[in-house]
Each structure stands twice: as C-alpha cells, then as structure tokens.
Amino acid sequence: MAITQALCTVFKQDLMDAGQDLTSATLKIALYTSSATLDGTTTAYSTTNEVSGTGYTAGGETLTSVVVATDGTTAYLDCDNASWSSATITARGALIYNNSNSNSAICVLDFGSDKSSSNGTFEIQFPAPGASTALIRIA
C-alpha cells in the first residue's frame, strides 16, 4: 500500500468533459493513513483507510476561499489552508475531491511520512498561489 502524489486522471478527463466547476463546487480534503492506496488512478473519495480520531470527521474538511486563476499560460487553484482543531490523529496523505461532482478525485497529496497531532491543530498549509508554486496547476 502506498500514497503517491498525483493529479488524478479522472480530474483531467472531467476537465475535458466540462465536469468540473471548481469555483462553485464544494471541494473537500480527506486525510488517510499509511495503509491507504492512493495515486493518479484514484477516481473518488472513499472511507477505506481514512483517518479516524478525535477532532476528525469522515469526509474531511471543506476547502474555503477557492480561486481559479492564471499566470501566463498556467492555470492554478488556490484555497485557504485546511485544519482540524483539537485533533488527535495521524495521517500519511490526503485526497482533494469534488463533493459536488460525485466525490470525484482531484489530486492526491503524499506527506512523505506520518504526520500527527495530539489534542492540537492538524493543519495542511498550501503553497503560495502562482504558476510555479500552486499545488494544483496546469501548464
């Protein structure tokens, strides 16, 4: 089992089929344990090997302040950091998905190792928006 960071193929196809409207959709981020198998072939959110613990609810958190912008010839997505307060959890990775589009997968995040919080804030800090820095970008 492994988590491999990738832009999901189903998301790329949905873009071509006009199945994604990221600025009006409800985008969510769910956390997963090291037992999860997530990669570019992941098609949708699943509860299999999703994190459980104090301060975490299945399905994860809704991403806020979602913006789709361009910089030169690159389009990218930006949003506020995601956090779980008073959480006691351990996660190895995450899945960003479109809750408004049948929970369709957008991208997989690999944290590189287990990350934990103990009755504290578990936060995912997204990189600065831009053509070369945004987490989700298409050049």
C-alpha atoms as a PDB file:
ATOM      1  CA  MET A   1       0.000   0.000   0.000  1.00  0.00           C
ATOM      2  CA  ALA A   2       1.268   3.431  -0.845  1.00  0.00           C
ATOM      3  CA  ILE A   3       0.283   7.002  -1.340  1.00  0.00           C
ATOM      4  CA  THR A   4       1.728   8.644  -4.438  1.00  0.00           C
ATOM      5  CA  GLN A   5       1.230  12.356  -5.022  1.00  0.00           C
ATOM      6  CA  ALA A   6      -0.508  12.988  -8.346  1.00  0.00           C
ATOM      7  CA  LEU A   7      -3.117  14.933 -10.242  1.00  0.00           C
ATOM      8  CA  CYS A   8      -5.824  12.296 -10.711  1.00  0.00           C
ATOM      9  CA  THR A   9      -6.561  11.084 -14.232  1.00  0.00           C
ATOM     10  CA  VAL A  10     -10.321  11.275 -13.623  1.00  0.00           C
ATOM     11  CA  PHE A  11      -9.895  15.000 -12.863  1.00  0.00           C
ATOM     12  CA  LYS A  12      -8.045  15.550 -16.143  1.00  0.00           C
ATOM     13  CA  GLN A  13     -10.830  13.761 -18.015  1.00  0.00           C
ATOM     14  CA  ASP A  14     -13.512  15.731 -16.135  1.00  0.00           C
ATOM     15  CA  LEU A  15     -11.819  18.966 -17.214  1.00  0.00           C
ATOM     16  CA  MET A  16     -12.073  17.895 -20.848  1.00  0.00           C
ATOM     17  CA  ASP A  17     -15.702  16.839 -20.380  1.00  0.00           C
ATOM     18  CA  ALA A  18     -16.610  20.084 -18.515  1.00  0.00           C
ATOM     19  CA  GLY A  19     -17.427  18.013 -15.413  1.00  0.00           C
ATOM     20  CA  GLN A  20     -15.587  20.325 -13.008  1.00  0.00           C
ATOM     21  CA  ASP A  21     -16.631  23.807 -11.912  1.00  0.00           C
ATOM     22  CA  LEU A  22     -14.139  24.319  -9.142  1.00  0.00           C
ATOM     23  CA  THR A  23     -15.158  27.790  -8.013  1.00  0.00           C
ATOM     24  CA  SER A  24     -18.820  26.954  -7.384  1.00  0.00           C
ATOM     25  CA  ALA A  25     -18.340  23.325  -6.319  1.00  0.00           C
ATOM     26  CA  THR A  26     -17.792  22.081  -2.772  1.00  0.00           C
ATOM     27  CA  LEU A  27     -14.198  20.869  -2.678  1.00  0.00           C
ATOM     28  CA  LYS A  28     -13.106  18.772   0.279  1.00  0.00           C
ATOM     29  CA  ILE A  29      -9.899  17.299   1.631  1.00  0.00           C
ATOM     30  CA  ALA A  30      -9.846  13.959   3.436  1.00  0.00           C
ATOM     31  CA  LEU A  31      -6.918  12.506   5.382  1.00  0.00           C
ATOM     32  CA  TYR A  32      -5.608   8.945   5.035  1.00  0.00           C
ATOM     33  CA  THR A  33      -3.382   6.558   6.974  1.00  0.00           C
ATOM     34  CA  SER A  34      -0.251   4.890   5.657  1.00  0.00           C
ATOM     35  CA  SER A  35      -2.398   1.819   4.904  1.00  0.00           C
ATOM     36  CA  ALA A  36      -4.203   3.677   2.108  1.00  0.00           C
ATOM     37  CA  THR A  37      -3.531   3.136  -1.572  1.00  0.00           C
ATOM     38  CA  LEU A  38      -3.952   6.461  -3.364  1.00  0.00           C
ATOM     39  CA  ASP A  39      -2.374   7.624  -6.618  1.00  0.00           C
ATOM     40  CA  GLY A  40      -3.198   9.128 -10.005  1.00  0.00           C
ATOM     41  CA  THR A  41      -5.649   6.305 -10.727  1.00  0.00           C
ATOM     42  CA  THR A  42      -7.806   7.150  -7.681  1.00  0.00           C
ATOM     43  CA  THR A  43     -11.258   8.011  -9.017  1.00  0.00           C
ATOM     44  CA  ALA A  44     -13.279   9.124  -5.979  1.00  0.00           C
ATOM     45  CA  TYR A  45     -13.326   9.724  -2.250  1.00  0.00           C
ATOM     46  CA  SER A  46     -13.547   6.552  -0.178  1.00  0.00           C
ATOM     47  CA  THR A  47     -13.609   5.868   3.549  1.00  0.00           C
ATOM     48  CA  THR A  48     -11.167   2.953   3.152  1.00  0.00           C
ATOM     49  CA  ASN A  49      -8.129   3.667   5.360  1.00  0.00           C
ATOM     50  CA  GLU A  50      -9.345   7.199   6.061  1.00  0.00           C
ATOM     51  CA  VAL A  51      -8.038   8.701   9.299  1.00  0.00           C
ATOM     52  CA  SER A  52     -10.192   8.386  12.398  1.00  0.00           C
ATOM     53  CA  GLY A  53      -9.724  10.033  15.738  1.00  0.00           C
ATOM     54  CA  THR A  54     -10.723  12.896  17.971  1.00  0.00           C
ATOM     55  CA  GLY A  55     -11.425  16.084  16.025  1.00  0.00           C
ATOM     56  CA  TYR A  56     -11.717  14.377  12.628  1.00  0.00           C
ATOM     57  CA  THR A  57     -14.961  13.600  10.804  1.00  0.00           C
ATOM     58  CA  ALA A  58     -15.137  11.171   7.878  1.00  0.00           C
ATOM     59  CA  GLY A  59     -15.141  13.077   4.599  1.00  0.00           C
ATOM     60  CA  GLY A  60     -12.640  15.619   5.847  1.00  0.00           C
ATOM     61  CA  GLU A  61     -12.923  19.398   5.666  1.00  0.00           C
ATOM     62  CA  THR A  62     -14.425  21.706   3.073  1.00  0.00           C
ATOM     63  CA  LEU A  63     -11.829  23.857   1.342  1.00  0.00           C
ATOM     64  CA  THR A  64     -12.589  27.571   1.613  1.00  0.00           C
ATOM     65  CA  SER A  65     -11.783  30.655  -0.467  1.00  0.00           C
ATOM     66  CA  VAL A  66     -11.289  28.545  -3.593  1.00  0.00           C
ATOM     67  CA  VAL A  67      -9.971  30.584  -6.516  1.00  0.00           C
ATOM     68  CA  VAL A  68      -9.021  29.502 -10.019  1.00  0.00           C
ATOM     69  CA  ALA A  69      -6.546  31.933 -11.576  1.00  0.00           C
ATOM     70  CA  THR A  70      -3.991  32.162 -14.345  1.00  0.00           C
ATOM     71  CA  ASP A  71      -0.407  33.306 -14.529  1.00  0.00           C
ATOM     72  CA  GLY A  72       0.926  33.451 -18.058  1.00  0.00           C
ATOM     73  CA  THR A  73      -0.075  30.179 -19.694  1.00  0.00           C
ATOM     74  CA  THR A  74      -0.607  28.299 -16.415  1.00  0.00           C
ATOM     75  CA  ALA A  75      -3.959  27.902 -14.663  1.00  0.00           C
ATOM     76  CA  TYR A  76      -3.929  27.076 -10.975  1.00  0.00           C
ATOM     77  CA  LEU A  77      -6.166  26.584  -7.971  1.00  0.00           C
ATOM     78  CA  ASP A  78      -5.692  28.306  -4.638  1.00  0.00           C
ATOM     79  CA  CYS A  79      -7.548  27.981  -1.328  1.00  0.00           C
ATOM     80  CA  ASP A  80      -7.131  28.594   2.376  1.00  0.00           C
ATOM     81  CA  ASN A  81      -5.155  26.142   4.491  1.00  0.00           C
ATOM     82  CA  ALA A  82      -7.177  23.213   5.853  1.00  0.00           C
ATOM     83  CA  SER A  83      -7.122  22.476   9.564  1.00  0.00           C
ATOM     84  CA  TRP A  84      -8.664  20.270  12.221  1.00  0.00           C
ATOM     85  CA  SER A  85      -8.602  21.764  15.716  1.00  0.00           C
ATOM     86  CA  SER A  86      -8.287  19.784  18.961  1.00  0.00           C
ATOM     87  CA  ALA A  87      -7.401  16.767  16.840  1.00  0.00           C
ATOM     88  CA  THR A  88      -5.632  13.586  17.850  1.00  0.00           C
ATOM     89  CA  ILE A  89      -4.885  11.957  14.511  1.00  0.00           C
ATOM     90  CA  THR A  90      -2.090  10.548  12.360  1.00  0.00           C
ATOM     91  CA  ALA A  91      -2.155  10.925   8.571  1.00  0.00           C
ATOM     92  CA  ARG A  92       0.240   9.959   5.779  1.00  0.00           C
ATOM     93  CA  GLY A  93      -1.580  11.695   2.930  1.00  0.00           C
ATOM     94  CA  ALA A  94      -4.744  13.342   1.693  1.00  0.00           C
ATOM     95  CA  LEU A  95      -7.225  13.390  -1.160  1.00  0.00           C
ATOM     96  CA  ILE A  96      -8.723  16.583  -2.531  1.00  0.00           C
ATOM     97  CA  TYR A  97     -12.057  15.785  -4.139  1.00  0.00           C
ATOM     98  CA  ASN A  98     -15.137  17.442  -5.629  1.00  0.00           C
ATOM     99  CA  ASN A  99     -18.049  16.720  -3.310  1.00  0.00           C
ATOM    100  CA  SER A 100     -20.402  18.375  -5.841  1.00  0.00           C
ATOM    101  CA  ASN A 101     -19.336  16.005  -8.622  1.00  0.00           C
ATOM    102  CA  SER A 102     -19.988  12.536  -7.165  1.00  0.00           C
ATOM    103  CA  ASN A 103     -16.949  12.873  -4.857  1.00  0.00           C
ATOM    104  CA  SER A 104     -14.691  12.794  -7.917  1.00  0.00           C
ATOM    105  CA  ALA A 105     -10.960  12.751  -7.095  1.00  0.00           C
ATOM    106  CA  ILE A 106      -8.872  15.802  -7.978  1.00  0.00           C
ATOM    107  CA  CYS A 107      -5.438  15.134  -6.513  1.00  0.00           C
ATOM    108  CA  VAL A 108      -3.555  13.005  -4.020  1.00  0.00           C
ATOM    109  CA  LEU A 109      -1.121  14.502  -1.503  1.00  0.00           C
ATOM    110  CA  ASP A 110       1.725  12.456  -0.056  1.00  0.00           C
ATOM    111  CA  PHE A 111       3.095  13.917   3.194  1.00  0.00           C
ATOM    112  CA  GLY A 112       6.314  11.866   2.868  1.00  0.00           C
ATOM    113  CA  SER A 113       5.872  10.389   6.337  1.00  0.00           C
ATOM    114  CA  ASP A 114       3.217  10.108   9.015  1.00  0.00           C
ATOM    115  CA  LYS A 115       2.175  13.472  10.477  1.00  0.00           C
ATOM    116  CA  SER A 116       0.402  13.608  13.833  1.00  0.00           C
ATOM    117  CA  SER A 117      -1.353  15.929  16.223  1.00  0.00           C
ATOM    118  CA  SER A 118      -2.223  15.224  19.849  1.00  0.00           C
ATOM    119  CA  ASN A 119      -5.147  17.316  21.055  1.00  0.00           C
ATOM    120  CA  GLY A 120      -3.853  20.124  18.847  1.00  0.00           C
ATOM    121  CA  THR A 121      -4.355  21.603  15.414  1.00  0.00           C
ATOM    122  CA  PHE A 122      -3.564  19.414  12.425  1.00  0.00           C
ATOM    123  CA  GLU A 123      -3.038  21.806   9.519  1.00  0.00           C
ATOM    124  CA  ILE A 124      -2.268  21.411   5.851  1.00  0.00           C
ATOM    125  CA  GLN A 125      -0.505  24.536   4.649  1.00  0.00           C
ATOM    126  CA  PHE A 126      -0.904  25.026   0.929  1.00  0.00           C
ATOM    127  CA  PRO A 127       1.920  26.703  -1.007  1.00  0.00           C
ATOM    128  CA  ALA A 128       1.646  30.258  -2.268  1.00  0.00           C
ATOM    129  CA  PRO A 129      -0.517  30.673  -5.369  1.00  0.00           C
ATOM    130  CA  GLY A 130       1.298  31.009  -8.661  1.00  0.00           C
ATOM    131  CA  ALA A 131       2.299  29.321 -11.897  1.00  0.00           C
ATOM    132  CA  SER A 132       5.320  27.592 -10.359  1.00  0.00           C
ATOM    133  CA  THR A 133       4.195  27.238  -6.739  1.00  0.00           C
ATOM    134  CA  ALA A 134       0.486  26.332  -6.536  1.00  0.00           C
ATOM    135  CA  LEU A 135      -0.287  22.777  -5.521  1.00  0.00           C
ATOM    136  CA  ILE A 136      -2.808  22.207  -8.327  1.00  0.00           C
ATOM    137  CA  ARG A 137      -1.724  23.721 -11.619  1.00  0.00           C
ATOM    138  CA  ILE A 138      -1.963  23.012 -15.315  1.00  0.00           C
ATOM    139  CA  ALA A 139       0.694  24.457 -17.592  1.00  0.00           C
END
